[in-house]
């Protein structure tokens, strides 16, 4: 079967990483994959080109994508089309209908859209709900990457929640990082093992790195180190915040790294301080390395992955005191690493790929 995956680009976000891992799993199961990109760009582009076909629609605006997407479908006639992230989850089923080609379309949302677009105004909210309502009804299958996302998008689309599937993200089991990668990761750490805390994610408001900085300051532990892996528009503000909290000598801004495995394997604790998440890929990645987890109990994903605290510590959203206490407890009394690794295996790419194929009715 030929499966097409529609994305804006292959920049270094969670949805793009998921698409690559899913494509590789489809290929392992004997299917061919084509990435259909509005713009063929991004840090994961070369990885995709090495293993799969990449089609560049070469459009700068999403609203301009529908005509070239119709042309692509008519010419290439994929056996199934997966569209990730609104508004592509609206455009894809519309384009399939207008192409007069009858392949199944699966739309997958990766975020709590009602939170993501909460401040965009009434007109945008109306357009969001109207387009989702139409897209859901034209698609052959609809999904969210967590139960919380499913509930949110079903409500926005005025669609029965029973008609929207939960398709967890595929997260590969990490292999042991190379000696070179481990040495590189070690070069960033400024404190010895036993005191290393890492957060992985783009530096944007929803990730609430500022909360983590406040919690880290409350630890009042000169032997601890906080490594921030990611990049984004808030870096200057976060550096200033670290200075104000008098912890800048203990905080490392390490930038973006496409493969964070070596950083997980040299850390002692992963913290997620988000206000909300679609899923929380980094939690599963860290679990796969046997790394203890502390996360805000944000909507949605972390509590599902950690099974309400069975595999990691959950704290109230926005509570720096609770986050600091949980971090201290996790460093002094970590979970069994082998138990954490077994939990991570529940999110294997093969299992996810089979679930996607079943949703497309191609299995």
Protein backbone atom coordinates (compact mmCIF):
# COMPACT_ATOMS: atom_id res chain seq x y z
CA UNK A 1 0.00 0.00 0.00
CA UNK A 2 1.09 3.58 -0.68
CA UNK A 3 0.39 5.84 2.29
CA UNK A 4 0.69 9.62 2.08
CA UNK A 5 1.35 11.79 5.13
CA UNK A 6 0.39 15.46 4.81
CA UNK A 7 2.31 18.02 6.89
CA UNK A 8 3.19 21.71 6.63
CA UNK A 9 6.94 20.88 6.72
CA UNK A 10 9.44 18.77 8.61
CA UNK A 11 10.58 21.22 11.24
CA UNK A 12 11.75 19.92 14.61
CA UNK A 13 8.41 19.58 16.39
CA UNK A 14 6.78 16.61 18.06
CA UNK A 15 4.24 15.96 15.30
CA UNK A 16 6.97 15.90 12.66
CA UNK A 17 9.06 13.46 14.70
CA UNK A 18 5.98 11.27 15.16
CA UNK A 19 5.34 11.28 11.41
CA UNK A 20 8.88 10.10 10.69
CA UNK A 21 8.71 7.28 13.21
CA UNK A 22 5.30 6.26 11.91
CA UNK A 23 6.56 6.27 8.31
CA UNK A 24 9.52 4.08 9.24
CA UNK A 25 7.16 1.65 10.99
CA UNK A 26 4.87 1.53 7.93
CA UNK A 27 7.91 0.72 5.79
CA UNK A 28 8.91 -2.09 8.17
CA UNK A 29 5.43 -3.54 7.67
CA UNK A 30 5.89 -3.49 3.87
CA UNK A 31 4.14 -0.25 2.90
CA UNK A 32 5.56 2.69 0.94
CA UNK A 33 5.27 6.20 2.33
CA UNK A 34 5.19 9.61 0.67
CA UNK A 35 5.55 12.78 2.68
CA UNK A 36 3.41 15.50 1.13
CA UNK A 37 4.71 18.83 2.40
CA UNK A 38 3.43 22.33 1.85
CA UNK A 39 7.08 23.34 1.91
CA UNK A 40 9.93 20.83 1.66
CA UNK A 41 12.01 22.23 4.51
CA UNK A 42 12.94 21.52 8.10
CA UNK A 43 15.55 19.76 10.21
CA UNK A 44 14.01 16.32 9.56
CA UNK A 45 13.83 16.73 5.78
CA UNK A 46 17.05 14.87 4.94
CA UNK A 47 16.08 12.00 7.23
CA UNK A 48 12.78 11.68 5.37
CA UNK A 49 14.45 11.82 1.95
CA UNK A 50 16.85 9.03 2.91
CA UNK A 51 14.01 6.58 3.58
CA UNK A 52 10.88 7.83 1.83
CA UNK A 53 9.62 9.86 -1.09
CA UNK A 54 9.05 13.55 -0.41
CA UNK A 55 6.58 15.61 -2.47
CA UNK A 56 6.83 19.40 -2.29
CA UNK A 57 3.53 21.22 -2.91
CA UNK A 58 5.55 24.44 -2.73
CA UNK A 59 2.89 26.69 -1.22
CA UNK A 60 3.60 29.40 1.33
CA UNK A 61 0.09 29.57 2.81
CA UNK A 62 -2.04 26.70 4.00
CA UNK A 63 -5.15 28.08 2.31
CA UNK A 64 -3.29 27.81 -1.02
CA UNK A 65 -2.68 24.09 -0.59
CA UNK A 66 -6.03 22.67 -1.62
CA UNK A 67 -5.60 22.90 -5.43
CA UNK A 68 -2.07 21.40 -5.54
CA UNK A 69 -3.18 18.73 -3.08
CA UNK A 70 -6.09 17.79 -5.35
CA UNK A 71 -3.64 17.54 -8.25
CA UNK A 72 -1.29 15.38 -6.19
CA UNK A 73 -4.11 12.99 -5.23
CA UNK A 74 -5.35 12.67 -8.81
CA UNK A 75 -1.86 11.98 -10.14
CA UNK A 76 -0.52 9.68 -7.40
CA UNK A 77 -3.73 8.02 -6.17
CA UNK A 78 -2.51 7.05 -2.67
CA UNK A 79 -4.15 4.12 -0.93
CA UNK A 80 -4.53 6.18 2.22
CA UNK A 81 -3.97 9.77 3.33
CA UNK A 82 -3.04 10.83 6.86
CA UNK A 83 -3.33 14.52 7.70
CA UNK A 84 -1.87 15.85 10.92
CA UNK A 85 -2.78 19.13 12.62
CA UNK A 86 -5.58 21.58 11.86
CA UNK A 87 -6.22 23.17 9.36
CA UNK A 88 -4.66 20.40 7.25
CA UNK A 89 -7.13 18.05 8.92
CA UNK A 90 -9.85 20.09 7.22
CA UNK A 91 -8.10 20.58 3.88
CA UNK A 92 -7.20 16.90 3.36
CA UNK A 93 -10.71 15.39 3.37
CA UNK A 94 -12.02 18.29 1.26
CA UNK A 95 -9.25 17.75 -1.30
CA UNK A 96 -9.90 14.01 -1.39
CA UNK A 97 -13.60 14.58 -2.12
CA UNK A 98 -12.87 17.13 -4.86
CA UNK A 99 -10.26 14.85 -6.46
CA UNK A 100 -12.91 12.16 -7.06
CA UNK A 101 -10.38 9.60 -5.83
CA UNK A 102 -11.81 7.36 -3.14
CA UNK A 103 -9.04 6.57 -0.69
CA UNK A 104 -9.59 6.78 3.05
CA UNK A 105 -8.51 9.92 4.90
CA UNK A 106 -7.46 9.79 8.53
CA UNK A 107 -7.19 13.12 10.35
CA UNK A 108 -5.10 13.28 13.53
CA UNK A 109 -4.97 16.19 15.96
CA UNK A 110 -1.92 16.57 18.20
CA UNK A 111 -2.98 19.38 20.51
CA UNK A 112 -5.74 20.73 22.75
CA UNK A 113 -6.97 23.16 20.10
CA UNK A 114 -9.36 25.01 22.39
CA UNK A 115 -6.34 26.00 24.50
CA UNK A 116 -3.97 26.55 21.61
CA UNK A 117 -6.30 29.07 19.94
CA UNK A 118 -8.03 30.40 23.07
CA UNK A 119 -6.91 34.01 22.48
CA UNK A 120 -7.44 34.21 18.72
CA UNK A 121 -10.85 35.85 18.89
CA UNK A 122 -14.46 34.90 18.22
CA UNK A 123 -14.20 34.92 14.41
CA UNK A 124 -11.25 32.52 14.45
CA UNK A 125 -13.05 30.28 16.94
CA UNK A 126 -16.09 30.17 14.66
CA UNK A 127 -13.92 29.29 11.65
CA UNK A 128 -12.12 26.63 13.69
CA UNK A 129 -15.36 24.96 14.79
CA UNK A 130 -17.02 25.19 11.38
CA UNK A 131 -14.02 23.76 9.51
CA UNK A 132 -13.56 20.98 12.05
CA UNK A 133 -17.22 20.07 11.89
CA UNK A 134 -17.01 19.77 8.11
CA UNK A 135 -13.62 18.03 8.09
CA UNK A 136 -14.72 15.44 10.63
CA UNK A 137 -17.77 14.57 8.56
CA UNK A 138 -15.84 14.28 5.29
CA UNK A 139 -12.98 12.23 6.75
CA UNK A 140 -13.18 8.46 6.88
CA UNK A 141 -11.58 8.30 10.33
CA UNK A 142 -10.70 10.85 13.00
CA UNK A 143 -8.27 10.63 15.88
CA UNK A 144 -6.45 12.46 18.64
CA UNK A 145 -3.13 11.52 20.20
CA UNK A 146 -4.60 11.27 23.71
CA UNK A 147 -8.00 10.87 25.32
CA UNK A 148 -7.92 14.54 26.31
CA UNK A 149 -7.31 15.65 22.72
CA UNK A 150 -10.12 13.38 21.54
CA UNK A 151 -12.58 14.93 23.98
CA UNK A 152 -11.53 18.45 23.03
CA UNK A 153 -11.71 18.08 19.26
CA UNK A 154 -14.96 16.10 19.35
CA UNK A 155 -16.55 18.95 21.30
CA UNK A 156 -15.18 21.57 18.90
CA UNK A 157 -16.47 19.63 15.90
CA UNK A 158 -19.85 18.86 17.54
CA UNK A 159 -19.13 15.22 16.77
CA UNK A 160 -19.79 12.13 18.91
CA UNK A 161 -16.70 11.36 20.96
CA UNK A 162 -17.31 7.67 20.26
CA UNK A 163 -16.51 8.38 16.59
CA UNK A 164 -13.02 9.73 17.36
CA UNK A 165 -10.21 7.30 18.13
CA UNK A 166 -7.27 7.67 20.47
CA UNK A 167 -4.08 6.87 18.55
CA UNK A 168 -1.06 7.21 20.81
CA UNK A 169 2.14 8.51 19.30
CA UNK A 170 4.78 6.00 18.16
CA UNK A 171 7.95 6.33 20.23
CA UNK A 172 10.89 4.08 19.26
CA UNK A 173 12.74 2.20 21.94
CA UNK A 174 16.00 4.11 22.31
CA UNK A 175 19.25 2.31 21.65
CA UNK A 176 22.33 2.99 23.71
CA UNK A 177 23.83 6.25 22.53
CA UNK A 178 27.25 6.13 20.89
CA UNK A 179 30.33 7.04 22.91
CA UNK A 180 30.68 10.19 20.83
CA UNK A 181 27.08 11.23 21.56
CA UNK A 182 27.51 10.46 25.26
CA UNK A 183 30.72 12.50 25.41
CA UNK A 184 28.94 15.37 23.68
CA UNK A 185 26.07 15.23 26.15
CA UNK A 186 28.47 15.05 29.10
CA UNK A 187 30.14 18.23 27.89
CA UNK A 188 26.93 20.17 28.61
CA UNK A 189 26.45 18.98 32.17
CA UNK A 190 28.05 21.16 34.85
CA UNK A 191 27.20 18.92 37.81
CA UNK A 192 27.93 15.22 38.51
CA UNK A 193 25.48 12.35 38.17
CA UNK A 194 22.84 12.22 40.84
CA UNK A 195 21.88 15.89 40.51
CA UNK A 196 20.99 16.30 36.84
CA UNK A 197 17.56 17.51 35.75
CA UNK A 198 16.53 17.87 32.10
CA UNK A 199 13.58 19.39 30.28
CA UNK A 200 13.13 18.81 26.54
CA UNK A 201 10.90 21.00 24.38
CA UNK A 202 10.64 24.18 22.38
CA UNK A 203 10.95 27.37 24.41
CA UNK A 204 7.39 28.59 24.12
CA UNK A 205 4.74 29.73 26.58
CA UNK A 206 2.76 26.49 26.81
CA UNK A 207 5.82 24.56 28.03
CA UNK A 208 6.08 26.93 31.02
CA UNK A 209 9.83 26.74 31.49
CA UNK A 210 9.48 29.74 33.81
CA UNK A 211 7.60 27.54 36.28
CA UNK A 212 10.40 24.98 36.22
CA UNK A 213 13.00 27.69 36.84
CA UNK A 214 11.06 28.82 39.91
CA UNK A 215 10.74 25.24 41.16
CA UNK A 216 14.42 24.59 40.53
CA UNK A 217 15.32 27.70 42.55
CA UNK A 218 13.19 26.38 45.41
CA UNK A 219 15.31 23.23 45.54
CA UNK A 220 18.09 25.45 46.90
CA UNK A 221 20.61 22.77 45.95
CA UNK A 222 23.96 24.11 44.68
CA UNK A 223 24.89 20.59 43.52
CA UNK A 224 21.93 20.41 41.09
CA UNK A 225 21.99 21.27 37.40
CA UNK A 226 19.06 22.05 35.08
CA UNK A 227 19.67 21.42 31.38
CA UNK A 228 17.13 22.97 29.00
CA UNK A 229 17.14 21.18 25.65
CA UNK A 230 15.31 23.17 23.00
CA UNK A 231 15.13 26.52 21.29
CA UNK A 232 12.54 29.21 20.83
CA UNK A 233 11.50 32.81 21.14
CA UNK A 234 11.46 32.79 24.96
CA UNK A 235 15.14 32.00 25.45
CA UNK A 236 16.16 35.60 26.25
CA UNK A 237 13.33 35.96 28.78
CA UNK A 238 14.18 32.64 30.40
CA UNK A 239 17.85 33.52 30.72
CA UNK A 240 16.83 36.76 32.40
CA UNK A 241 14.52 34.84 34.74
CA UNK A 242 17.35 32.49 35.71
CA UNK A 243 19.52 35.53 36.51
CA UNK A 244 16.77 37.03 38.67
CA UNK A 245 16.43 33.76 40.60
CA UNK A 246 20.24 33.59 41.07
CA UNK A 247 20.45 30.16 39.45
CA UNK A 248 22.03 31.03 36.10
CA UNK A 249 25.27 29.29 37.11
CA UNK A 250 23.30 26.04 37.44
CA UNK A 251 21.15 26.31 34.29
CA UNK A 252 22.38 25.26 30.85
CA UNK A 253 20.59 26.30 27.65
CA UNK A 254 21.74 23.51 25.35
CA UNK A 255 19.73 24.39 22.21
CA UNK A 256 17.95 21.99 19.87
CA UNK A 257 19.26 18.44 19.34
CA UNK A 258 17.45 16.16 16.90
CA UNK A 259 18.26 13.07 18.97
CA UNK A 260 18.14 13.72 22.72
CA UNK A 261 18.85 10.08 23.69
CA UNK A 262 22.35 10.71 25.03
CA UNK A 263 21.02 13.55 27.17
CA UNK A 264 18.36 11.28 28.68
CA UNK A 265 20.98 8.61 29.34
CA UNK A 266 23.26 11.03 31.19
CA UNK A 267 20.47 12.72 33.20
CA UNK A 268 18.86 11.72 36.50
CA UNK A 269 15.38 13.18 36.04
CA UNK A 270 13.10 14.52 33.30
CA UNK A 271 10.67 17.27 34.21
CA UNK A 272 7.72 18.43 32.12
CA UNK A 273 6.25 21.73 33.38
CA UNK A 274 3.66 22.35 30.66
CA UNK A 275 0.32 24.10 31.05
CA UNK A 276 -1.12 21.62 28.54
CA UNK A 277 0.11 18.95 26.13
CA UNK A 278 -1.35 16.98 23.28
CA UNK A 279 0.49 13.84 24.33
CA UNK A 280 3.98 14.31 25.78
CA UNK A 281 6.42 12.44 23.55
CA UNK A 282 9.41 13.33 25.70
CA UNK A 283 7.90 11.44 28.65
CA UNK A 284 7.85 8.18 26.69
CA UNK A 285 11.32 8.84 25.26
CA UNK A 286 12.70 9.34 28.76
CA UNK A 287 10.85 6.29 30.13
CA UNK A 288 12.50 4.26 27.37
CA UNK A 289 15.86 5.25 28.85
CA UNK A 290 14.69 4.31 32.35
CA UNK A 291 14.68 7.96 33.40
CA UNK A 292 12.38 9.00 36.28
CA UNK A 293 9.66 11.52 35.43
CA UNK A 294 8.05 14.48 37.16
CA UNK A 295 5.28 16.19 35.19
CA UNK A 296 2.48 18.61 35.71
CA UNK A 297 -0.84 16.82 35.58
CA UNK A 298 -1.79 18.92 32.59
CA UNK A 299 -4.36 18.16 29.93
CA UNK A 300 -3.62 15.88 28.31
CA UNK A 301 -1.26 12.94 27.91
CA UNK A 302 1.05 12.86 30.94
CA UNK A 303 -1.46 11.23 33.29
CA UNK A 304 -2.36 8.70 30.56
CA UNK A 305 1.27 7.80 29.91
CA UNK A 306 2.16 7.66 33.61
CA UNK A 307 -1.13 5.93 34.49
CA UNK A 308 -2.16 8.55 37.04
CA UNK A 309 1.19 8.49 38.81
CA UNK A 310 1.96 4.78 38.69
CA UNK A 311 5.05 5.37 36.52
CA UNK A 312 6.00 8.89 37.56
CA UNK A 313 5.11 11.83 39.77
CA UNK A 314 2.33 14.24 38.80
CA UNK A 315 1.87 17.73 40.24
CA UNK A 316 -0.81 20.42 39.85
CA UNK A 317 -0.40 22.75 36.88
CA UNK A 318 1.32 26.01 37.80
CA UNK A 319 2.36 24.93 41.33
CA UNK A 320 6.10 25.59 41.72
CA UNK A 321 6.18 24.38 45.33
CA UNK A 322 4.65 21.02 44.46
CA UNK A 323 6.94 20.67 41.44
CA UNK A 324 10.01 21.34 43.58
CA UNK A 325 8.94 18.78 46.20
CA UNK A 326 8.30 16.13 43.54
CA UNK A 327 11.68 16.80 41.92
CA UNK A 328 13.45 16.37 45.26
CA UNK A 329 11.56 13.14 45.96
CA UNK A 330 12.32 11.79 42.49
CA UNK A 331 16.05 12.47 42.84
CA UNK A 332 16.20 10.81 46.26
CA UNK A 333 13.79 7.91 45.55
CA UNK A 334 13.71 7.14 41.82
CA UNK A 335 11.40 4.58 40.21
CA UNK A 336 12.79 1.23 39.04
CA UNK A 337 14.31 1.89 35.61
CA UNK A 338 13.35 -1.51 34.17
CA UNK A 339 9.70 -0.94 35.07
CA UNK A 340 9.82 2.42 33.31
CA UNK A 341 11.35 0.87 30.19
CA UNK A 342 8.61 -1.75 30.03
CA UNK A 343 5.98 0.98 30.18
CA UNK A 344 7.67 2.82 27.29
CA UNK A 345 7.41 -0.33 25.16
CA UNK A 346 3.61 0.03 25.20
CA UNK A 347 4.06 2.93 22.74
CA UNK A 348 6.19 1.12 20.17
CA UNK A 349 6.07 2.33 16.54
CA UNK A 350 4.95 -1.09 15.28
CA UNK A 351 1.96 -1.08 17.63
CA UNK A 352 1.09 2.49 16.63
CA UNK A 353 1.47 1.75 12.90
CA UNK A 354 -0.89 -1.21 13.10
CA UNK A 355 -3.44 0.95 14.92
CA UNK A 356 -3.18 3.61 12.19
CA UNK A 357 -3.59 1.00 9.45
CA UNK A 358 -6.64 -0.40 11.21
CA UNK A 359 -8.12 3.12 11.42
CA UNK A 360 -7.55 3.52 7.67
CA UNK A 361 -8.98 0.04 7.11
CA UNK A 362 -5.81 -0.97 5.32
CA UNK A 363 -4.87 -3.70 7.83
